[in-house]
Amino acid sequence: AAGTIQLTTNPIDINNNFTNSAGTFTTNNLNMTVGKDWNNDPAATFTAGTSTVTFDGANQSILGSTTFYNFSKITTSADNLYFSANNTDLQLVTHSFTMQGAAGNILTIEKTGPNAQANIRLQAGGAQLFTYLDVYNSNASGGNLLIGRTGSTNGGNNTNWVFGNTTITWDGSDDTD
């Protein structure tokens, strides 16, 4: 039978792959840093609490389905971040979603897998900061509109994304989207 792994005292810095293949991994609100790929198998549960998961490696992939509280990928070198596009895989961020490249060093966001788009979503009310990105094949439907700001471009086949200097008006009548 699968068990539970919990962070209890300190944040964790994983310089290799994070693979949760069965059971439950609980952060207990402690932050995680991952240096290579992330794989949360459908048979497993990741419990984020109020933690931040930071991706600090190069050419990383986010596989399986995961609900993150805070998600962060910031690079000063040209890099790629791949999101799973298998079956119903979904990466959901509930609080703060940050992906940033740098001037002259774009972070390319792309899908990996057979589906036409990767499903990534920022829950209503969540904060976002997306700069110096080139985004391809991403479906953000069902959550906040994602806004690629300074230095960001639409590589194509994106849903629920806008790019560049965008004005969004909220009339206060429905929700916080």
Protein backbone atom coordinates (compact mmCIF):
# COMPACT_ATOMS: atom_id res chain seq x y z
CA ALA A 1 0.00 0.00 0.00
CA ALA A 2 1.14 3.51 -0.73
CA GLY A 3 2.02 5.74 2.20
CA THR A 4 2.45 9.40 3.04
CA ILE A 5 5.61 11.47 2.93
CA GLN A 6 5.55 14.81 4.76
CA LEU A 7 7.93 17.71 5.03
CA THR A 8 8.02 18.48 8.74
CA THR A 9 10.71 21.03 9.57
CA ASN A 10 12.59 22.47 6.61
CA PRO A 11 11.96 23.34 2.98
CA ILE A 12 13.42 20.87 0.47
CA ASP A 13 15.74 21.45 -2.51
CA ILE A 14 15.62 18.53 -4.96
CA ASN A 15 18.44 18.82 -7.50
CA ASN A 16 17.03 16.00 -9.60
CA ASN A 17 13.57 14.80 -10.69
CA PHE A 18 10.58 14.86 -8.35
CA THR A 19 8.41 11.79 -8.97
CA ASN A 20 5.35 11.05 -6.86
CA SER A 21 4.18 7.69 -8.20
CA ALA A 22 1.82 6.55 -5.40
CA GLY A 23 0.56 7.71 -2.04
CA THR A 24 0.56 11.27 -0.73
CA PHE A 25 3.31 13.88 -0.60
CA THR A 26 2.45 16.71 1.82
CA THR A 27 4.50 19.92 2.04
CA ASN A 28 3.03 21.08 5.37
CA ASN A 29 3.34 24.62 3.93
CA LEU A 30 7.12 24.25 3.43
CA ASN A 31 8.60 25.36 0.09
CA MET A 32 10.11 23.06 -2.51
CA THR A 33 12.71 23.69 -5.19
CA VAL A 34 13.04 21.21 -8.07
CA GLY A 35 16.06 21.12 -10.39
CA LYS A 36 14.78 18.74 -13.06
CA ASP A 37 11.40 17.28 -14.06
CA TRP A 38 8.19 17.10 -12.00
CA ASN A 39 5.94 14.05 -12.30
CA ASN A 40 2.83 13.67 -10.15
CA ASP A 41 1.33 10.34 -11.23
CA PRO A 42 -2.50 10.01 -11.42
CA ALA A 43 -2.30 7.39 -8.65
CA ALA A 44 -0.59 9.89 -6.32
CA THR A 45 -1.63 12.99 -4.38
CA PHE A 46 0.41 16.16 -3.91
CA THR A 47 -0.82 18.38 -1.06
CA ALA A 48 0.65 21.86 -1.48
CA GLY A 49 -0.79 23.67 1.53
CA THR A 50 0.52 27.25 1.20
CA SER A 51 3.91 26.26 -0.22
CA THR A 52 5.79 27.59 -3.23
CA VAL A 53 7.22 25.12 -5.72
CA THR A 54 10.14 26.73 -7.54
CA PHE A 55 11.57 25.22 -10.71
CA ASP A 56 15.24 26.24 -11.03
CA GLY A 57 16.65 23.85 -13.64
CA ALA A 58 16.92 23.98 -17.43
CA ASN A 59 14.52 22.39 -19.94
CA GLN A 60 12.15 21.12 -17.27
CA SER A 61 8.90 19.19 -17.78
CA ILE A 62 5.80 19.30 -15.57
CA LEU A 63 4.01 15.96 -15.96
CA GLY A 64 0.83 14.46 -14.55
CA SER A 65 -1.78 16.59 -12.81
CA THR A 66 -0.93 18.80 -9.84
CA THR A 67 -2.60 21.51 -7.80
CA PHE A 68 0.06 24.03 -6.78
CA TYR A 69 -0.45 26.88 -4.29
CA ASN A 70 2.41 29.02 -5.65
CA PHE A 71 4.27 28.08 -8.85
CA SER A 72 7.50 29.85 -9.81
CA LYS A 73 9.88 29.53 -12.76
CA ILE A 74 12.30 32.45 -13.17
CA THR A 75 15.36 32.30 -15.40
CA THR A 76 17.95 34.76 -16.66
CA SER A 77 19.10 32.40 -19.46
CA ALA A 78 17.10 31.26 -22.48
CA ASP A 79 15.16 28.19 -21.35
CA ASN A 80 12.18 25.91 -22.03
CA LEU A 81 9.42 24.76 -19.71
CA TYR A 82 7.20 21.92 -20.93
CA PHE A 83 3.71 21.16 -19.60
CA SER A 84 2.10 17.74 -20.01
CA ALA A 85 -0.50 17.42 -22.77
CA ASN A 86 -1.56 13.86 -21.98
CA ASN A 87 -5.23 12.92 -21.63
CA THR A 88 -6.79 15.08 -18.91
CA ASP A 89 -3.55 16.29 -17.25
CA LEU A 90 -4.03 19.68 -15.61
CA GLN A 91 -1.64 21.98 -13.76
CA LEU A 92 -3.77 24.18 -11.47
CA VAL A 93 -2.31 27.09 -9.52
CA THR A 94 -4.53 28.40 -6.74
CA HIS A 95 -2.65 31.45 -5.41
CA SER A 96 0.35 32.84 -7.35
CA PHE A 97 1.64 31.83 -10.79
CA THR A 98 5.00 33.24 -11.94
CA MET A 99 6.91 32.43 -15.13
CA GLN A 100 9.64 34.84 -16.19
CA GLY A 101 12.47 34.93 -18.67
CA ALA A 102 14.68 37.98 -19.16
CA ALA A 103 15.33 40.54 -21.89
CA GLY A 104 17.17 38.67 -24.66
CA ASN A 105 16.69 35.37 -22.81
CA ILE A 106 13.14 34.19 -23.43
CA LEU A 107 11.49 31.41 -21.46
CA THR A 108 9.62 29.25 -23.97
CA ILE A 109 6.45 27.57 -22.69
CA GLU A 110 5.46 24.50 -24.72
CA LYS A 111 3.46 21.29 -24.40
CA THR A 112 4.79 17.76 -24.31
CA GLY A 113 2.50 14.85 -25.17
CA PRO A 114 -0.09 13.90 -27.79
CA ASN A 115 -2.85 16.43 -27.08
CA ALA A 116 -2.96 19.68 -29.08
CA GLN A 117 -2.63 21.83 -25.94
CA ALA A 118 -1.41 21.54 -22.36
CA ASN A 119 -3.98 22.43 -19.70
CA ILE A 120 -2.69 25.02 -17.24
CA ARG A 121 -5.01 27.10 -15.11
CA LEU A 122 -4.85 29.92 -12.58
CA GLN A 123 -7.77 29.75 -10.17
CA ALA A 124 -10.01 32.81 -9.97
CA GLY A 125 -8.52 35.38 -7.59
CA GLY A 126 -4.95 34.13 -8.12
CA ALA A 127 -2.05 36.49 -8.86
CA GLN A 128 0.09 36.20 -11.98
CA LEU A 129 3.35 37.53 -13.37
CA PHE A 130 4.38 36.41 -16.86
CA THR A 131 7.21 38.29 -18.61
CA TYR A 132 9.64 37.50 -21.43
CA LEU A 133 7.77 34.36 -22.51
CA ASP A 134 7.11 32.74 -25.86
CA VAL A 135 3.99 30.61 -25.30
CA TYR A 136 2.84 27.73 -27.53
CA ASN A 137 -0.03 25.22 -27.31
CA SER A 138 -1.41 26.23 -23.92
CA ASN A 139 -5.04 26.01 -22.80
CA ALA A 140 -5.82 28.16 -19.75
CA SER A 141 -9.62 27.82 -20.02
CA GLY A 142 -11.63 27.54 -16.85
CA GLY A 143 -9.48 29.95 -14.84
CA ASN A 144 -8.24 33.53 -14.94
CA LEU A 145 -7.25 35.01 -18.27
CA LEU A 146 -3.43 34.66 -18.43
CA ILE A 147 -1.56 37.79 -19.49
CA GLY A 148 1.88 37.59 -21.08
CA ARG A 149 3.30 41.02 -20.31
CA THR A 150 6.64 42.69 -21.11
CA GLY A 151 8.59 40.87 -23.81
CA SER A 152 6.05 38.05 -24.15
CA THR A 153 4.76 36.68 -27.45
CA ASN A 154 2.04 34.36 -28.65
CA GLY A 155 3.77 31.44 -30.34
CA GLY A 156 0.40 30.08 -31.43
CA ASN A 157 -2.45 27.75 -30.50
CA ASN A 158 -3.14 29.31 -27.09
CA THR A 159 -6.53 29.60 -25.37
CA ASN A 160 -7.43 32.14 -22.64
CA TRP A 161 -4.14 34.03 -23.02
CA VAL A 162 -3.46 37.62 -24.14
CA PHE A 163 -0.07 39.18 -24.87
CA GLY A 164 1.47 42.63 -24.71
CA ASN A 165 -0.01 45.78 -23.27
CA THR A 166 -3.58 44.77 -22.51
CA THR A 167 -6.29 46.66 -20.70
CA ILE A 168 -8.80 44.52 -18.85
CA THR A 169 -11.91 46.09 -17.38
CA TRP A 170 -13.83 44.45 -14.57
CA ASP A 171 -17.25 45.84 -13.71
CA GLY A 172 -17.44 44.06 -10.34
CA SER A 173 -20.69 42.29 -11.10
CA ASP A 174 -19.56 38.65 -11.38
CA ASP A 175 -16.25 37.51 -9.97
CA THR A 176 -12.56 38.41 -9.85
CA ASP A 177 -11.62 37.27 -13.38
